[in-house]
C-alpha atoms as a PDB file:
ATOM      1  CA  UNK A   1     138.080  33.544  59.867  1.00  0.00           C
ATOM      2  CA  UNK A   2     136.494  30.296  61.119  1.00  0.00           C
ATOM      3  CA  UNK A   3     134.730  29.806  57.784  1.00  0.00           C
ATOM      4  CA  UNK A   4     137.876  30.574  55.781  1.00  0.00           C
ATOM      5  CA  UNK A   5     139.923  28.025  57.724  1.00  0.00           C
ATOM      6  CA  UNK A   6     137.222  25.381  57.355  1.00  0.00           C
ATOM      7  CA  UNK A   7     136.863  26.085  53.632  1.00  0.00           C
ATOM      8  CA  UNK A   8     140.630  25.672  53.143  1.00  0.00           C
ATOM      9  CA  UNK A   9     140.577  22.332  54.981  1.00  0.00           C
ATOM     10  CA  UNK A  10     137.597  21.161  52.941  1.00  0.00           C
ATOM     11  CA  UNK A  11     139.256  22.203  49.687  1.00  0.00           C
ATOM     12  CA  UNK A  12     142.293  20.069  50.496  1.00  0.00           C
ATOM     13  CA  UNK A  13     140.055  17.132  51.418  1.00  0.00           C
ATOM     14  CA  UNK A  14     138.044  17.411  48.188  1.00  0.00           C
ATOM     15  CA  UNK A  15     141.244  17.629  46.135  1.00  0.00           C
ATOM     16  CA  UNK A  16     142.673  14.552  47.905  1.00  0.00           C
ATOM     17  CA  UNK A  17     139.493  12.640  47.058  1.00  0.00           C
ATOM     18  CA  UNK A  18     139.603  13.804  43.432  1.00  0.00           C
ATOM     19  CA  UNK A  19     136.273  15.652  43.688  1.00  0.00           C
ATOM     20  CA  UNK A  20     135.661  18.210  40.930  1.00  0.00           C
ATOM     21  CA  UNK A  21     135.472  21.733  42.314  1.00  0.00           C
ATOM     22  CA  UNK A  22     133.870  23.047  39.124  1.00  0.00           C
ATOM     23  CA  UNK A  23     130.960  20.627  38.708  1.00  0.00           C
ATOM     24  CA  UNK A  24     127.668  21.936  40.158  1.00  0.00           C
ATOM     25  CA  UNK A  25     126.385  19.792  43.047  1.00  0.00           C
ATOM     26  CA  UNK A  26     123.708  20.111  45.746  1.00  0.00           C
ATOM     27  CA  UNK A  27     125.038  22.062  48.723  1.00  0.00           C
ATOM     28  CA  UNK A  28     123.191  22.875  51.966  1.00  0.00           C
ATOM     29  CA  UNK A  29     123.796  26.133  53.855  1.00  0.00           C
ATOM     30  CA  UNK A  30     122.920  26.347  57.562  1.00  0.00           C
ATOM     31  CA  UNK A  31     121.848  29.340  59.637  1.00  0.00           C
ATOM     32  CA  UNK A  32     120.711  29.882  63.225  1.00  0.00           C
ATOM     33  CA  UNK A  33     118.459  32.729  64.354  1.00  0.00           C
ATOM     34  CA  UNK A  34     117.135  33.775  67.742  1.00  0.00           C
ATOM     35  CA  UNK A  35     113.528  34.434  66.805  1.00  0.00           C
ATOM     36  CA  UNK A  36     110.985  33.161  64.295  1.00  0.00           C
ATOM     37  CA  UNK A  37     110.872  36.589  62.670  1.00  0.00           C
ATOM     38  CA  UNK A  38     114.628  36.753  62.137  1.00  0.00           C
ATOM     39  CA  UNK A  39     114.669  33.201  60.751  1.00  0.00           C
ATOM     40  CA  UNK A  40     111.851  34.064  58.338  1.00  0.00           C
ATOM     41  CA  UNK A  41     113.644  37.189  57.116  1.00  0.00           C
ATOM     42  CA  UNK A  42     116.892  35.234  56.590  1.00  0.00           C
ATOM     43  CA  UNK A  43     114.937  32.607  54.628  1.00  0.00           C
ATOM     44  CA  UNK A  44     113.229  35.287  52.528  1.00  0.00           C
ATOM     45  CA  UNK A  45     116.541  36.963  51.670  1.00  0.00           C
ATOM     46  CA  UNK A  46     118.127  33.624  50.783  1.00  0.00           C
ATOM     47  CA  UNK A  47     115.166  32.804  48.543  1.00  0.00           C
ATOM     48  CA  UNK A  48     115.556  36.180  46.836  1.00  0.00           C
ATOM     49  CA  UNK A  49     119.218  35.269  46.180  1.00  0.00           C
ATOM     50  CA  UNK A  50     118.099  32.096  44.394  1.00  0.00           C
ATOM     51  CA  UNK A  51     118.405  29.548  47.192  1.00  0.00           C
ATOM     52  CA  UNK A  52     115.825  26.831  47.811  1.00  0.00           C
ATOM     53  CA  UNK A  53     114.582  26.996  51.413  1.00  0.00           C
ATOM     54  CA  UNK A  54     114.697  23.434  52.724  1.00  0.00           C
ATOM     55  CA  UNK A  55     114.035  24.031  56.420  1.00  0.00           C
ATOM     56  CA  UNK A  56     112.640  26.819  58.572  1.00  0.00           C
ATOM     57  CA  UNK A  57     111.915  25.383  61.999  1.00  0.00           C
ATOM     58  CA  UNK A  58     112.347  25.825  65.734  1.00  0.00           C
ATOM     59  CA  UNK A  59     115.670  24.431  66.970  1.00  0.00           C
ATOM     60  CA  UNK A  60     115.536  24.994  70.731  1.00  0.00           C
ATOM     61  CA  UNK A  61     118.309  23.962  73.051  1.00  0.00           C
ATOM     62  CA  UNK A  62     118.313  24.021  76.842  1.00  0.00           C
ATOM     63  CA  UNK A  63     119.834  27.485  77.272  1.00  0.00           C
ATOM     64  CA  UNK A  64     118.211  28.932  74.120  1.00  0.00           C
ATOM     65  CA  UNK A  65     114.554  27.854  73.772  1.00  0.00           C
ATOM     66  CA  UNK A  66     113.770  30.509  71.118  1.00  0.00           C
ATOM     67  CA  UNK A  67     116.445  29.420  68.628  1.00  0.00           C
ATOM     68  CA  UNK A  68     115.426  28.709  65.007  1.00  0.00           C
ATOM     69  CA  UNK A  69     117.159  26.875  62.176  1.00  0.00           C
ATOM     70  CA  UNK A  70     117.194  27.794  58.489  1.00  0.00           C
ATOM     71  CA  UNK A  71     118.600  25.484  55.843  1.00  0.00           C
ATOM     72  CA  UNK A  72     118.920  26.625  52.247  1.00  0.00           C
ATOM     73  CA  UNK A  73     120.068  24.634  49.265  1.00  0.00           C
ATOM     74  CA  UNK A  74     121.700  25.463  45.954  1.00  0.00           C
ATOM     75  CA  UNK A  75     123.208  23.490  43.112  1.00  0.00           C
ATOM     76  CA  UNK A  76     126.512  25.249  42.561  1.00  0.00           C
ATOM     77  CA  UNK A  77     130.186  24.326  42.090  1.00  0.00           C
ATOM     78  CA  UNK A  78     132.186  23.588  45.224  1.00  0.00           C
ATOM     79  CA  UNK A  79     134.608  26.303  44.113  1.00  0.00           C
ATOM     80  CA  UNK A  80     131.850  28.857  44.715  1.00  0.00           C
ATOM     81  CA  UNK A  81     131.116  27.508  48.219  1.00  0.00           C
ATOM     82  CA  UNK A  82     134.812  27.419  49.044  1.00  0.00           C
ATOM     83  CA  UNK A  83     135.399  30.971  47.845  1.00  0.00           C
ATOM     84  CA  UNK A  84     135.372  33.880  50.236  1.00  0.00           C
ATOM     85  CA  UNK A  85     132.864  35.973  48.315  1.00  0.00           C
ATOM     86  CA  UNK A  86     129.823  33.762  48.928  1.00  0.00           C
ATOM     87  CA  UNK A  87     130.816  33.098  52.523  1.00  0.00           C
ATOM     88  CA  UNK A  88     131.193  36.826  53.156  1.00  0.00           C
ATOM     89  CA  UNK A  89     127.732  37.520  51.677  1.00  0.00           C
ATOM     90  CA  UNK A  90     126.117  34.823  53.823  1.00  0.00           C
ATOM     91  CA  UNK A  91     127.852  35.949  57.023  1.00  0.00           C
ATOM     92  CA  UNK A  92     126.770  39.535  56.321  1.00  0.00           C
ATOM     93  CA  UNK A  93     123.183  38.546  55.471  1.00  0.00           C
ATOM     94  CA  UNK A  94     122.878  36.586  58.719  1.00  0.00           C
ATOM     95  CA  UNK A  95     124.420  39.343  60.838  1.00  0.00           C
ATOM     96  CA  UNK A  96     121.916  41.865  59.489  1.00  0.00           C
ATOM     97  CA  UNK A  97     119.070  39.755  60.918  1.00  0.00           C
ATOM     98  CA  UNK A  98     120.416  38.715  64.334  1.00  0.00           C
ATOM     99  CA  UNK A  99     121.405  35.299  62.976  1.00  0.00           C
ATOM    100  CA  UNK A 100     124.599  33.433  62.195  1.00  0.00           C
ATOM    101  CA  UNK A 101     125.792  31.539  59.151  1.00  0.00           C
ATOM    102  CA  UNK A 102     126.677  28.135  60.603  1.00  0.00           C
ATOM    103  CA  UNK A 103     128.421  26.705  57.552  1.00  0.00           C
ATOM    104  CA  UNK A 104     127.628  24.425  54.642  1.00  0.00           C
ATOM    105  CA  UNK A 105     127.823  20.799  53.641  1.00  0.00           C
ATOM    106  CA  UNK A 106     127.538  18.426  50.710  1.00  0.00           C
ATOM    107  CA  UNK A 107     127.910  14.711  50.040  1.00  0.00           C
ATOM    108  CA  UNK A 108     130.914  13.406  48.173  1.00  0.00           C
END
């Protein structure tokens, strides 16, 4: 639900700015995992889906010293990132490996 609401807000913002939703552009997808192994498996699965793995690194915080970050990139239309199908796949992929899909971003 959080991702759907954010995607709807972003869609409105992109439309207000006149950004094409159909033109492929670089987009970064962010994940958090709670072990190196889980982060590596998430990265491997993303790579198998065609994503470029841009970051696989420790991301400790005070109350979670074992946390890891995974960042994957793809050049796809914003419409695909804003759609529920891709978001659902990424949320599911992360959940299978004790990780979370933390959202996506792009420059406009």
